[in-house]
Amino acid sequence: MVKRIFVVLLVLSMLLGCKAAAPATVELTAEPTLEPTAMPVAEPTLEPMPTPLILEQWYQERIDQLLMYVELYGDCQNEVEVRKRVAGMYVDPDRKMIALTYDGHVYEPYTSQILDIL
């Protein structure tokens, strides 16, 4: 008998405590206007190029040419990206490397095939 009263009281308290609230009425006014705000853009800072591992003149000329070509033909957005890209193209004299060079002449179809592979 006590269990039944407890269950009835529990159900009643749940029903009374969970009354659905009347929905609030919201008056709609004119549509809000959103004005675009300019986001502050941080200007990229130029960092100096890393000190090259090779201190010979030809290597500095190579870096200068790479900077020019990456700026002209690369997809970099600013000079900071250009410098980062060129910095990743360093030559490490302590590692094995292979260099492909062209003498400036185009020999079709071989040049296109080589460039497609690269």
N, C-alpha and C. Protein backbone atom coordinates (compact mmCIF):
# COMPACT_ATOMS: atom_id res chain seq x y z
N MET A 1 0.82 -1.18 0.00
CA MET A 1 0.00 0.00 0.00
C MET A 1 0.88 1.26 0.00
N VAL A 2 1.92 1.25 0.80
CA VAL A 2 2.83 2.40 0.87
C VAL A 2 3.53 2.59 -0.48
N LYS A 3 3.84 1.46 -1.14
CA LYS A 3 4.50 1.54 -2.44
C LYS A 3 3.59 2.22 -3.45
N ARG A 4 2.30 1.89 -3.42
CA ARG A 4 1.37 2.48 -4.38
C ARG A 4 1.25 3.99 -4.15
N ILE A 5 1.17 4.40 -2.89
CA ILE A 5 1.07 5.82 -2.59
C ILE A 5 2.34 6.54 -3.06
N PHE A 6 3.47 5.91 -2.80
CA PHE A 6 4.74 6.49 -3.23
C PHE A 6 4.79 6.65 -4.75
N VAL A 7 4.36 5.63 -5.48
CA VAL A 7 4.37 5.68 -6.94
C VAL A 7 3.40 6.76 -7.42
N VAL A 8 2.21 6.84 -6.82
CA VAL A 8 1.23 7.84 -7.23
C VAL A 8 1.78 9.24 -6.96
N LEU A 9 2.39 9.45 -5.79
CA LEU A 9 2.96 10.76 -5.48
C LEU A 9 4.11 11.10 -6.43
N LEU A 10 4.91 10.12 -6.78
CA LEU A 10 6.01 10.32 -7.70
C LEU A 10 5.51 10.72 -9.08
N VAL A 11 4.49 10.03 -9.57
CA VAL A 11 3.92 10.34 -10.88
C VAL A 11 3.28 11.72 -10.86
N LEU A 12 2.53 12.04 -9.78
CA LEU A 12 1.90 13.36 -9.68
C LEU A 12 2.95 14.47 -9.63
N SER A 13 4.01 14.25 -8.89
CA SER A 13 5.04 15.30 -8.81
C SER A 13 5.73 15.48 -10.15
N MET A 14 5.88 14.40 -10.89
CA MET A 14 6.48 14.52 -12.22
C MET A 14 5.55 15.26 -13.16
N LEU A 15 4.27 14.95 -13.08
CA LEU A 15 3.31 15.62 -13.95
C LEU A 15 3.18 17.10 -13.61
N LEU A 16 3.13 17.42 -12.34
CA LEU A 16 2.98 18.81 -11.93
C LEU A 16 4.25 19.61 -12.17
N GLY A 17 5.40 18.98 -12.02
CA GLY A 17 6.66 19.66 -12.22
C GLY A 17 7.00 19.84 -13.69
N CYS A 18 6.37 19.10 -14.57
CA CYS A 18 6.71 19.14 -15.99
C CYS A 18 5.59 19.76 -16.80
N LYS A 19 4.90 20.74 -16.25
CA LYS A 19 3.86 21.40 -17.01
C LYS A 19 4.50 22.08 -18.21
N ALA A 20 3.82 22.01 -19.32
CA ALA A 20 4.32 22.67 -20.52
C ALA A 20 4.08 24.16 -20.36
N ALA A 21 5.10 24.92 -20.54
CA ALA A 21 4.97 26.36 -20.43
C ALA A 21 4.34 26.89 -21.70
N ALA A 22 3.55 27.93 -21.53
CA ALA A 22 2.92 28.54 -22.69
C ALA A 22 4.02 29.14 -23.57
N PRO A 23 3.91 28.95 -24.88
CA PRO A 23 4.96 29.47 -25.75
C PRO A 23 4.99 30.99 -25.68
N ALA A 24 6.17 31.50 -25.62
CA ALA A 24 6.34 32.95 -25.56
C ALA A 24 6.07 33.53 -26.93
N THR A 25 5.43 34.65 -26.93
CA THR A 25 5.17 35.30 -28.21
C THR A 25 6.31 36.26 -28.51
N VAL A 26 6.74 36.22 -29.74
CA VAL A 26 7.84 37.07 -30.16
C VAL A 26 7.33 37.95 -31.28
N GLU A 27 7.50 39.23 -31.10
CA GLU A 27 7.09 40.14 -32.14
C GLU A 27 8.24 40.32 -33.13
N LEU A 28 7.93 40.12 -34.39
CA LEU A 28 8.94 40.28 -35.42
C LEU A 28 8.93 41.71 -35.90
N THR A 29 10.07 42.29 -35.89
CA THR A 29 10.22 43.65 -36.40
C THR A 29 10.93 43.56 -37.74
N ALA A 30 11.39 44.65 -38.21
CA ALA A 30 12.11 44.65 -39.48
C ALA A 30 13.33 43.73 -39.37
N GLU A 31 13.72 43.19 -40.51
CA GLU A 31 14.85 42.28 -40.52
C GLU A 31 16.11 43.00 -40.03
N PRO A 32 16.89 42.29 -39.25
CA PRO A 32 18.12 42.93 -38.77
C PRO A 32 19.07 43.14 -39.94
N THR A 33 19.77 44.22 -39.88
CA THR A 33 20.75 44.49 -40.93
C THR A 33 22.13 44.15 -40.40
N LEU A 34 22.82 43.39 -41.18
CA LEU A 34 24.18 43.02 -40.81
C LEU A 34 25.15 43.78 -41.70
N GLU A 35 25.94 44.59 -41.08
CA GLU A 35 26.92 45.34 -41.82
C GLU A 35 28.25 44.62 -41.71
N PRO A 36 28.90 44.40 -42.85
CA PRO A 36 30.20 43.71 -42.78
C PRO A 36 31.22 44.58 -42.05
N THR A 37 31.99 43.93 -41.24
CA THR A 37 33.05 44.65 -40.54
C THR A 37 34.38 44.15 -41.06
N ALA A 38 35.28 45.04 -41.20
CA ALA A 38 36.60 44.67 -41.70
C ALA A 38 37.37 43.97 -40.59
N MET A 39 37.87 42.78 -40.93
CA MET A 39 38.67 42.02 -39.97
C MET A 39 40.10 42.54 -40.04
N PRO A 40 40.72 42.75 -38.91
CA PRO A 40 42.11 43.19 -38.95
C PRO A 40 43.00 42.08 -39.51
N VAL A 41 43.85 42.45 -40.41
CA VAL A 41 44.76 41.49 -41.04
C VAL A 41 46.16 41.79 -40.57
N ALA A 42 46.79 40.80 -40.01
CA ALA A 42 48.15 40.99 -39.55
C ALA A 42 49.09 41.01 -40.75
N GLU A 43 49.90 42.00 -40.80
CA GLU A 43 50.87 42.09 -41.89
C GLU A 43 51.97 41.07 -41.65
N PRO A 44 52.30 40.29 -42.68
CA PRO A 44 53.38 39.32 -42.49
C PRO A 44 54.72 40.04 -42.31
N THR A 45 55.52 39.50 -41.43
CA THR A 45 56.82 40.12 -41.20
C THR A 45 57.88 39.33 -41.95
N LEU A 46 58.78 40.05 -42.57
CA LEU A 46 59.85 39.41 -43.31
C LEU A 46 60.92 38.95 -42.35
N GLU A 47 61.21 37.68 -42.43
CA GLU A 47 62.29 37.14 -41.62
C GLU A 47 63.51 37.01 -42.53
N PRO A 48 64.68 37.19 -41.99
CA PRO A 48 65.85 37.05 -42.85
C PRO A 48 65.98 35.60 -43.33
N MET A 49 66.54 35.48 -44.52
CA MET A 49 66.78 34.14 -45.06
C MET A 49 67.78 33.44 -44.15
N PRO A 50 67.61 32.12 -43.98
CA PRO A 50 68.57 31.40 -43.15
C PRO A 50 69.98 31.50 -43.75
N THR A 51 70.96 31.45 -42.90
CA THR A 51 72.34 31.50 -43.37
C THR A 51 72.62 30.25 -44.18
N PRO A 52 73.05 30.42 -45.44
CA PRO A 52 73.28 29.24 -46.27
C PRO A 52 74.44 28.40 -45.74
N LEU A 53 74.32 27.09 -45.98
CA LEU A 53 75.38 26.18 -45.57
C LEU A 53 76.58 26.27 -46.52
N ILE A 54 76.33 26.74 -47.73
CA ILE A 54 77.38 26.89 -48.72
C ILE A 54 77.59 28.39 -48.91
N LEU A 55 78.80 28.84 -48.70
CA LEU A 55 79.08 30.26 -48.72
C LEU A 55 79.75 30.71 -50.02
N GLU A 56 79.52 29.99 -51.08
CA GLU A 56 80.14 30.35 -52.35
C GLU A 56 79.21 31.25 -53.15
N GLN A 57 79.80 31.99 -54.09
CA GLN A 57 79.06 32.95 -54.89
C GLN A 57 77.95 32.30 -55.70
N TRP A 58 78.20 31.13 -56.29
CA TRP A 58 77.20 30.49 -57.14
C TRP A 58 75.94 30.14 -56.34
N TYR A 59 76.14 29.83 -55.06
CA TYR A 59 74.99 29.45 -54.24
C TYR A 59 74.11 30.67 -53.93
N GLN A 60 74.73 31.80 -53.67
CA GLN A 60 73.95 33.02 -53.44
C GLN A 60 73.22 33.43 -54.71
N GLU A 61 73.87 33.28 -55.87
CA GLU A 61 73.21 33.57 -57.14
C GLU A 61 72.01 32.64 -57.35
N ARG A 62 72.17 31.39 -56.96
CA ARG A 62 71.06 30.42 -57.05
C ARG A 62 69.88 30.87 -56.20
N ILE A 63 70.16 31.29 -54.97
CA ILE A 63 69.09 31.75 -54.08
C ILE A 63 68.38 32.96 -54.67
N ASP A 64 69.15 33.91 -55.20
CA ASP A 64 68.56 35.10 -55.79
C ASP A 64 67.67 34.75 -56.98
N GLN A 65 68.13 33.80 -57.82
CA GLN A 65 67.32 33.38 -58.96
C GLN A 65 66.06 32.66 -58.51
N LEU A 66 66.18 31.81 -57.50
CA LEU A 66 65.00 31.12 -56.98
C LEU A 66 63.98 32.11 -56.43
N LEU A 67 64.45 33.11 -55.70
CA LEU A 67 63.53 34.13 -55.17
C LEU A 67 62.78 34.81 -56.31
N MET A 68 63.50 35.14 -57.38
CA MET A 68 62.87 35.81 -58.51
C MET A 68 61.85 34.90 -59.19
N TYR A 69 62.25 33.64 -59.46
CA TYR A 69 61.35 32.73 -60.18
C TYR A 69 60.13 32.34 -59.37
N VAL A 70 60.31 32.11 -58.09
CA VAL A 70 59.16 31.75 -57.25
C VAL A 70 58.21 32.92 -57.13
N GLU A 71 58.74 34.14 -57.05
CA GLU A 71 57.88 35.31 -56.98
C GLU A 71 57.11 35.51 -58.29
N LEU A 72 57.79 35.28 -59.42
CA LEU A 72 57.14 35.48 -60.72
C LEU A 72 56.16 34.37 -61.07
N TYR A 73 56.54 33.12 -60.84
CA TYR A 73 55.76 32.00 -61.35
C TYR A 73 55.12 31.13 -60.27
N GLY A 74 55.43 31.38 -59.02
CA GLY A 74 54.87 30.57 -57.95
C GLY A 74 53.48 31.03 -57.56
N ASP A 75 52.86 30.30 -56.66
CA ASP A 75 51.51 30.63 -56.21
C ASP A 75 51.53 31.26 -54.81
N CYS A 76 52.63 31.90 -54.47
CA CYS A 76 52.76 32.52 -53.15
C CYS A 76 51.98 33.83 -53.11
N GLN A 77 51.42 34.13 -51.95
CA GLN A 77 50.59 35.33 -51.78
C GLN A 77 51.40 36.57 -51.42
N ASN A 78 52.57 36.37 -50.82
CA ASN A 78 53.37 37.53 -50.40
C ASN A 78 54.83 37.12 -50.33
N GLU A 79 55.67 38.08 -50.00
CA GLU A 79 57.11 37.84 -49.99
C GLU A 79 57.53 36.88 -48.88
N VAL A 80 56.78 36.86 -47.79
CA VAL A 80 57.09 35.93 -46.70
C VAL A 80 56.95 34.49 -47.18
N GLU A 81 55.88 34.20 -47.92
CA GLU A 81 55.68 32.86 -48.45
C GLU A 81 56.76 32.51 -49.46
N VAL A 82 57.16 33.49 -50.27
CA VAL A 82 58.22 33.25 -51.25
C VAL A 82 59.51 32.85 -50.54
N ARG A 83 59.86 33.60 -49.50
CA ARG A 83 61.09 33.31 -48.77
C ARG A 83 61.03 31.94 -48.08
N LYS A 84 59.87 31.59 -47.54
CA LYS A 84 59.73 30.28 -46.90
C LYS A 84 59.89 29.16 -47.93
N ARG A 85 59.30 29.36 -49.09
CA ARG A 85 59.40 28.35 -50.14
C ARG A 85 60.84 28.16 -50.58
N VAL A 86 61.56 29.26 -50.79
CA VAL A 86 62.96 29.18 -51.24
C VAL A 86 63.84 28.62 -50.12
N ALA A 87 63.54 28.96 -48.87
CA ALA A 87 64.33 28.43 -47.76
C ALA A 87 64.23 26.91 -47.69
N GLY A 88 63.11 26.36 -48.14
CA GLY A 88 62.96 24.90 -48.16
C GLY A 88 63.71 24.23 -49.30
N MET A 89 64.31 25.02 -50.19
CA MET A 89 65.04 24.47 -51.34
C MET A 89 66.55 24.52 -51.13
N TYR A 90 66.97 24.49 -49.89
CA TYR A 90 68.40 24.61 -49.62
C TYR A 90 69.15 23.35 -50.04
N VAL A 91 70.44 23.52 -50.23
CA VAL A 91 71.32 22.41 -50.56
C VAL A 91 72.12 22.09 -49.30
N ASP A 92 72.02 20.84 -48.86
CA ASP A 92 72.77 20.40 -47.69
C ASP A 92 73.98 19.61 -48.19
N PRO A 93 75.17 20.15 -48.02
CA PRO A 93 76.35 19.46 -48.56
C PRO A 93 76.65 18.14 -47.86
N ASP A 94 76.02 17.88 -46.73
CA ASP A 94 76.26 16.63 -46.01
C ASP A 94 75.30 15.51 -46.42
N ARG A 95 74.38 15.82 -47.32
CA ARG A 95 73.42 14.79 -47.77
C ARG A 95 73.63 14.51 -49.25
N LYS A 96 73.26 13.30 -49.65
CA LYS A 96 73.33 12.95 -51.06
C LYS A 96 72.18 13.63 -51.79
N MET A 97 72.49 14.19 -52.96
CA MET A 97 71.47 14.87 -53.75
C MET A 97 71.75 14.63 -55.22
N ILE A 98 70.70 14.77 -55.98
CA ILE A 98 70.80 14.70 -57.43
C ILE A 98 70.28 16.02 -57.98
N ALA A 99 71.01 16.62 -58.90
CA ALA A 99 70.58 17.87 -59.51
C ALA A 99 70.37 17.64 -61.00
N LEU A 100 69.21 18.00 -61.50
CA LEU A 100 68.94 17.94 -62.93
C LEU A 100 69.09 19.35 -63.48
N THR A 101 69.87 19.48 -64.50
CA THR A 101 70.06 20.80 -65.09
C THR A 101 69.70 20.75 -66.56
N TYR A 102 69.30 21.87 -67.08
CA TYR A 102 68.98 22.00 -68.50
C TYR A 102 69.89 23.07 -69.06
N ASP A 103 70.31 22.89 -70.30
CA ASP A 103 71.20 23.89 -70.89
C ASP A 103 70.43 24.98 -71.62
N GLY A 104 69.14 25.04 -71.41
CA GLY A 104 68.35 26.11 -72.00
C GLY A 104 67.66 25.74 -73.30
N HIS A 105 67.90 24.55 -73.81
CA HIS A 105 67.27 24.14 -75.06
C HIS A 105 66.12 23.18 -74.78
N VAL A 106 65.10 23.27 -75.57
CA VAL A 106 63.95 22.39 -75.46
C VAL A 106 64.04 21.36 -76.58
N TYR A 107 64.05 20.10 -76.19
CA TYR A 107 64.09 19.01 -77.16
C TYR A 107 62.80 18.22 -77.02
N GLU A 108 61.86 18.53 -77.90
CA GLU A 108 60.59 17.82 -77.85
C GLU A 108 60.75 16.47 -78.52
N PRO A 109 60.10 15.46 -78.03
CA PRO A 109 59.15 15.38 -76.93
C PRO A 109 59.80 15.09 -75.58
N TYR A 110 61.14 15.05 -75.53
CA TYR A 110 61.82 14.61 -74.32
C TYR A 110 61.66 15.58 -73.16
N THR A 111 61.77 16.87 -73.42
CA THR A 111 61.65 17.85 -72.34
C THR A 111 60.26 17.77 -71.69
N SER A 112 59.21 17.67 -72.50
CA SER A 112 57.85 17.57 -71.95
C SER A 112 57.69 16.30 -71.13
N GLN A 113 58.25 15.20 -71.61
CA GLN A 113 58.11 13.93 -70.88
C GLN A 113 58.83 14.01 -69.51
N ILE A 114 60.02 14.61 -69.51
CA ILE A 114 60.77 14.75 -68.25
C ILE A 114 60.00 15.64 -67.29
N LEU A 115 59.48 16.77 -67.78
CA LEU A 115 58.74 17.67 -66.90
C LEU A 115 57.47 17.04 -66.39
N ASP A 116 56.82 16.21 -67.20
CA ASP A 116 55.61 15.52 -66.73
C ASP A 116 55.94 14.54 -65.61
N ILE A 117 57.07 13.88 -65.70
CA ILE A 117 57.48 12.93 -64.67
C ILE A 117 57.81 13.65 -63.37
N LEU A 118 58.47 14.81 -63.51
CA LEU A 118 58.84 15.57 -62.32
C LEU A 118 57.62 16.16 -61.67
